[in-house]
N, C-alpha and C. Protein backbone atom coordinates (compact mmCIF):
# COMPACT_ATOMS: atom_id res chain seq x y z
N MET A 1 -21.90 -7.55 4.25
CA MET A 1 -21.24 -7.48 5.58
C MET A 1 -20.61 -5.98 5.80
N ASN A 2 -21.03 -5.23 6.81
CA ASN A 2 -20.59 -3.98 6.72
C ASN A 2 -19.24 -4.03 7.59
N ASP A 3 -18.55 -2.90 7.46
CA ASP A 3 -16.94 -2.90 8.27
C ASP A 3 -17.13 -3.23 9.65
N GLU A 4 -18.08 -2.75 10.38
CA GLU A 4 -18.15 -3.12 11.92
C GLU A 4 -18.16 -4.69 12.12
N ASP A 5 -18.60 -5.47 11.17
CA ASP A 5 -18.91 -6.87 11.34
C ASP A 5 -17.88 -7.34 10.92
N LYS A 6 -16.95 -6.95 9.95
CA LYS A 6 -15.51 -7.17 9.44
C LYS A 6 -14.81 -7.50 10.59
N ILE A 7 -14.75 -6.18 11.21
CA ILE A 7 -13.54 -6.08 12.30
C ILE A 7 -14.00 -6.98 13.64
N ARG A 8 -15.43 -7.09 13.63
CA ARG A 8 -15.65 -7.78 14.94
C ARG A 8 -15.57 -9.43 14.50
N LYS A 9 -15.34 -9.68 13.45
CA LYS A 9 -15.24 -11.27 12.90
C LYS A 9 -13.93 -11.45 12.97
N ALA A 10 -12.85 -10.39 12.54
CA ALA A 10 -11.51 -10.41 12.58
C ALA A 10 -11.02 -10.52 14.09
N LEU A 11 -11.54 -9.88 14.92
CA LEU A 11 -11.10 -9.82 16.25
C LEU A 11 -11.40 -11.11 17.03
N LEU A 12 -12.81 -11.58 16.55
CA LEU A 12 -13.03 -12.77 17.31
C LEU A 12 -12.17 -14.00 16.85
N LYS A 13 -11.99 -13.96 15.51
CA LYS A 13 -11.04 -14.96 15.03
C LYS A 13 -9.52 -14.67 15.76
N LYS A 14 -8.93 -13.84 16.15
CA LYS A 14 -7.73 -13.42 16.68
C LYS A 14 -7.87 -13.94 18.20
N ALA A 15 -9.03 -13.40 18.76
CA ALA A 15 -9.09 -13.72 20.28
C ALA A 15 -9.21 -15.42 20.61
N LEU A 16 -10.00 -16.04 19.59
CA LEU A 16 -10.22 -17.51 19.73
C LEU A 16 -8.97 -18.35 19.32
N GLY A 17 -8.01 -17.74 18.23
CA GLY A 17 -6.88 -18.70 17.59
C GLY A 17 -7.41 -19.19 16.44
N TYR A 18 -6.71 -19.33 15.48
CA TYR A 18 -7.08 -19.79 14.13
C TYR A 18 -5.96 -20.80 13.57
N ASN A 19 -6.25 -21.75 12.59
CA ASN A 19 -5.44 -22.21 11.73
C ASN A 19 -5.54 -21.91 10.33
N ALA A 20 -4.19 -21.79 9.67
CA ALA A 20 -4.14 -21.11 8.38
C ALA A 20 -3.22 -22.19 7.43
N SER A 21 -3.28 -21.78 6.42
CA SER A 21 -2.26 -22.51 5.36
C SER A 21 -1.39 -21.63 4.71
N GLU A 22 -0.13 -21.89 4.56
CA GLU A 22 0.64 -21.10 3.89
C GLU A 22 1.24 -22.14 2.72
N VAL A 23 1.31 -21.17 1.66
CA VAL A 23 2.02 -22.08 0.50
C VAL A 23 3.07 -21.37 0.03
N ALA A 24 4.12 -22.03 -0.10
CA ALA A 24 5.48 -21.64 -0.66
C ALA A 24 5.33 -22.31 -2.11
N VAL A 25 5.76 -21.33 -3.17
CA VAL A 25 5.98 -22.06 -4.57
C VAL A 25 7.26 -21.74 -5.10
N GLU A 26 8.22 -22.59 -5.35
CA GLU A 26 9.18 -22.35 -6.49
C GLU A 26 9.04 -22.46 -7.77
N TYR A 27 9.69 -21.59 -8.72
CA TYR A 27 9.42 -21.94 -9.99
C TYR A 27 10.90 -21.84 -10.56
N SER A 28 10.93 -22.49 -11.74
CA SER A 28 12.32 -22.43 -12.60
C SER A 28 11.98 -22.34 -14.01
N CYS A 29 12.93 -21.90 -14.79
CA CYS A 29 12.64 -21.80 -16.46
C CYS A 29 13.12 -23.04 -17.18
N ASP A 30 12.00 -23.37 -17.82
CA ASP A 30 12.27 -24.86 -18.77
C ASP A 30 13.28 -24.33 -19.99
N GLU A 31 13.64 -25.13 -20.97
CA GLU A 31 14.35 -24.86 -21.99
C GLU A 31 13.72 -23.84 -22.89
N ASP A 32 12.63 -23.81 -22.87
CA ASP A 32 11.83 -22.54 -23.61
C ASP A 32 11.81 -21.25 -22.91
N GLY A 33 12.26 -21.22 -21.85
CA GLY A 33 12.20 -19.97 -21.14
C GLY A 33 11.07 -19.62 -20.24
N GLU A 34 10.12 -20.87 -20.31
CA GLU A 34 8.93 -20.73 -19.65
C GLU A 34 9.06 -20.77 -18.02
N LEU A 35 8.07 -20.37 -17.45
CA LEU A 35 8.34 -20.51 -15.97
C LEU A 35 7.40 -21.91 -15.57
N LYS A 36 7.80 -22.78 -14.58
CA LYS A 36 7.02 -23.91 -14.34
C LYS A 36 7.22 -24.12 -12.73
N VAL A 37 6.45 -24.65 -12.27
CA VAL A 37 6.44 -24.90 -10.82
C VAL A 37 7.29 -25.98 -10.51
N THR A 38 8.44 -25.77 -9.67
CA THR A 38 9.12 -27.23 -9.36
C THR A 38 9.15 -27.66 -7.73
N LYS A 39 8.72 -26.66 -7.07
CA LYS A 39 8.30 -27.20 -5.63
C LYS A 39 6.97 -26.28 -5.30
N LYS A 40 6.11 -27.00 -4.56
CA LYS A 40 4.80 -26.36 -3.82
C LYS A 40 4.87 -27.15 -2.66
N LYS A 41 5.11 -26.33 -1.39
CA LYS A 41 4.98 -26.77 -0.16
C LYS A 41 3.81 -26.09 0.55
N VAL A 42 2.81 -26.49 1.15
CA VAL A 42 1.69 -26.04 1.94
C VAL A 42 1.76 -26.37 3.20
N THR A 43 1.99 -25.51 4.34
CA THR A 43 2.15 -25.91 5.66
C THR A 43 1.08 -25.33 6.23
N LYS A 44 0.45 -26.18 7.14
CA LYS A 44 -0.58 -25.60 8.07
C LYS A 44 0.05 -25.02 9.38
N LYS A 45 -0.44 -23.62 9.90
CA LYS A 45 0.18 -23.10 10.90
C LYS A 45 -1.09 -22.71 11.75
N HIS A 46 -0.69 -22.79 12.99
CA HIS A 46 -1.66 -22.38 14.05
C HIS A 46 -1.46 -21.17 14.62
N TYR A 47 -2.20 -20.22 14.88
CA TYR A 47 -2.17 -18.90 15.35
C TYR A 47 -2.83 -19.14 16.67
N SER A 48 -2.13 -18.89 17.73
CA SER A 48 -2.57 -18.96 19.13
C SER A 48 -3.71 -17.82 19.55
N PRO A 49 -4.49 -18.08 20.36
CA PRO A 49 -5.32 -17.00 20.74
C PRO A 49 -4.68 -15.69 21.46
N ASP A 50 -5.11 -14.40 21.02
CA ASP A 50 -4.31 -13.35 21.18
C ASP A 50 -5.11 -12.79 22.39
N VAL A 51 -4.67 -12.30 23.54
CA VAL A 51 -5.00 -11.78 24.62
C VAL A 51 -5.26 -10.42 24.62
N ALA A 52 -4.66 -9.30 23.77
CA ALA A 52 -5.01 -8.07 23.49
C ALA A 52 -6.32 -8.28 22.57
N ALA A 53 -6.48 -8.92 21.75
CA ALA A 53 -7.89 -9.33 20.95
C ALA A 53 -8.90 -9.48 21.95
N VAL A 54 -8.85 -10.48 22.72
CA VAL A 54 -9.76 -10.92 23.68
C VAL A 54 -10.21 -9.58 24.55
N LYS A 55 -9.10 -8.82 25.01
CA LYS A 55 -9.66 -7.82 25.81
C LYS A 55 -10.26 -6.45 25.13
N VAL A 56 -9.96 -6.37 23.85
CA VAL A 56 -10.80 -5.41 23.19
C VAL A 56 -12.10 -5.85 22.81
N LEU A 57 -12.21 -7.24 22.57
CA LEU A 57 -13.68 -7.72 22.48
C LEU A 57 -14.46 -7.31 23.42
N LEU A 58 -13.93 -7.85 24.86
CA LEU A 58 -14.70 -7.47 25.92
C LEU A 58 -14.99 -6.22 26.33
N GLU A 59 -14.06 -5.31 26.17
CA GLU A 59 -14.27 -3.81 26.38
C GLU A 59 -15.47 -3.09 25.45
N ARG A 60 -15.07 -3.40 23.94
CA ARG A 60 -15.67 -2.94 22.97
C ARG A 60 -17.19 -3.45 22.66
N TYR A 61 -17.38 -4.95 22.62
CA TYR A 61 -18.65 -5.53 22.17
C TYR A 61 -19.45 -6.04 23.58
N PHE A 62 -18.85 -6.60 24.50
CA PHE A 62 -19.61 -7.24 25.14
C PHE A 62 -19.81 -6.32 26.40
N GLN A 63 -19.36 -5.30 26.93
CA GLN A 63 -19.67 -4.28 27.63
C GLN A 63 -20.95 -3.75 27.03
N THR A 64 -20.98 -3.24 25.77
CA THR A 64 -21.96 -2.74 25.30
C THR A 64 -23.49 -3.54 25.31
N TYR A 65 -23.09 -5.02 25.04
CA TYR A 65 -24.24 -6.11 25.34
C TYR A 65 -24.68 -5.96 26.60
N GLY A 66 -23.72 -6.12 27.83
CA GLY A 66 -24.26 -5.98 29.06
C GLY A 66 -25.00 -4.84 29.68
N ASP A 67 -24.58 -3.57 29.02
CA ASP A 67 -25.59 -2.35 29.04
C ASP A 67 -26.70 -2.60 28.56
N LYS A 68 -26.94 -2.99 27.48
CA LYS A 68 -28.28 -3.46 26.76
C LYS A 68 -29.23 -3.97 27.59
N VAL A 69 -28.33 -5.31 28.19
CA VAL A 69 -29.02 -6.24 29.01
C VAL A 69 -29.63 -5.69 30.27
N ARG A 70 -28.81 -5.23 30.92
CA ARG A 70 -29.29 -4.43 32.05
C ARG A 70 -30.59 -3.21 31.92
N SER A 71 -30.71 -2.83 30.84
CA SER A 71 -31.85 -1.94 30.67
C SER A 71 -32.98 -2.50 29.94
N MET A 72 -32.89 -4.23 29.69
CA MET A 72 -34.18 -4.88 29.46
C MET A 72 -35.27 -4.96 30.44
N SER A 73 -36.66 -5.09 29.95
CA SER A 73 -37.58 -5.61 30.97
C SER A 73 -37.31 -7.01 31.09
N ASP A 74 -38.10 -7.44 32.21
CA ASP A 74 -38.26 -9.06 32.13
C ASP A 74 -38.53 -9.81 31.00
N GLU A 75 -39.64 -8.93 30.28
CA GLU A 75 -40.09 -9.88 29.11
C GLU A 75 -39.00 -9.87 27.91
N GLU A 76 -38.50 -8.69 27.81
CA GLU A 76 -37.22 -8.65 26.72
C GLU A 76 -36.01 -9.76 27.27
N LEU A 77 -35.96 -9.82 28.47
CA LEU A 77 -35.08 -10.79 29.14
C LEU A 77 -35.30 -12.25 28.54
N ALA A 78 -36.49 -12.49 28.75
CA ALA A 78 -37.00 -13.76 28.39
C ALA A 78 -36.78 -14.15 27.02
N ASP A 79 -37.26 -13.12 26.08
CA ASP A 79 -37.04 -13.22 25.00
C ASP A 79 -35.67 -13.42 24.48
N GLU A 80 -34.67 -12.63 24.82
CA GLU A 80 -33.51 -12.96 24.71
C GLU A 80 -32.97 -14.28 25.03
N GLU A 81 -33.35 -14.70 26.26
CA GLU A 81 -33.06 -16.26 26.51
C GLU A 81 -33.29 -17.24 25.37
N LEU A 82 -34.49 -16.98 25.23
CA LEU A 82 -35.04 -17.98 24.07
C LEU A 82 -34.25 -18.01 22.96
N ARG A 83 -33.83 -16.73 22.32
CA ARG A 83 -33.11 -16.45 21.03
C ARG A 83 -31.58 -16.92 21.49
N LEU A 84 -31.01 -16.59 22.51
CA LEU A 84 -29.56 -17.26 22.86
C LEU A 84 -29.54 -18.93 22.85
N LEU A 85 -30.70 -19.29 23.42
CA LEU A 85 -30.87 -20.94 23.58
C LEU A 85 -30.90 -21.31 22.29
N GLN A 86 -31.85 -20.69 21.43
CA GLN A 86 -32.01 -21.28 20.01
C GLN A 86 -30.71 -21.30 19.23
N GLN A 87 -29.92 -20.08 19.41
CA GLN A 87 -28.44 -20.03 18.82
C GLN A 87 -27.68 -21.40 19.02
N ILE A 88 -27.92 -21.53 20.67
CA ILE A 88 -27.06 -22.51 21.17
C ILE A 88 -27.22 -23.78 20.52
N LYS A 89 -28.49 -24.12 20.35
CA LYS A 89 -29.33 -25.26 19.70
C LYS A 89 -28.59 -25.49 18.24
N GLU A 90 -28.68 -24.40 17.62
CA GLU A 90 -28.21 -24.41 16.27
C GLU A 90 -26.87 -24.38 16.05
N GLY A 91 -26.04 -24.10 17.07
CA GLY A 91 -24.59 -24.27 16.86
C GLY A 91 -23.91 -22.90 16.52
N LYS A 92 -24.74 -21.98 16.56
CA LYS A 92 -24.01 -20.55 16.34
C LYS A 92 -23.88 -20.19 17.40
N ASP A 93 -22.55 -18.95 17.47
CA ASP A 93 -22.29 -18.22 18.63
C ASP A 93 -23.06 -16.76 18.49
N GLY A 94 -23.04 -16.32 17.28
CA GLY A 94 -24.06 -14.94 17.26
C GLY A 94 -23.06 -13.81 17.48
N THR A 95 -21.72 -14.04 17.73
CA THR A 95 -21.06 -12.72 18.01
C THR A 95 -19.98 -12.41 16.78
N ALA A 96 -20.03 -13.20 15.88
CA ALA A 96 -19.02 -12.99 14.68
C ALA A 96 -20.00 -12.50 13.74
């Protein structure tokens, strides 16, 4: 995966919102001076969609796609329609 794909994927994740787990671990020393885990807390956190990320996605990626679509022939548009319908059928969004 190249850097551009990583950026697009991260922007899409931030634009749509996501869930993440945060782990907090506490340690203490036992009699031998060894560290051992005394508490481990896993918290699930939801990060809401970010409007600024949506704006960047629309400006940077979808405008370029729109320009590409406007320059396509009727045959290319039909092929693109079939490709997108196939992606929908397979459950892929194709933007990340």
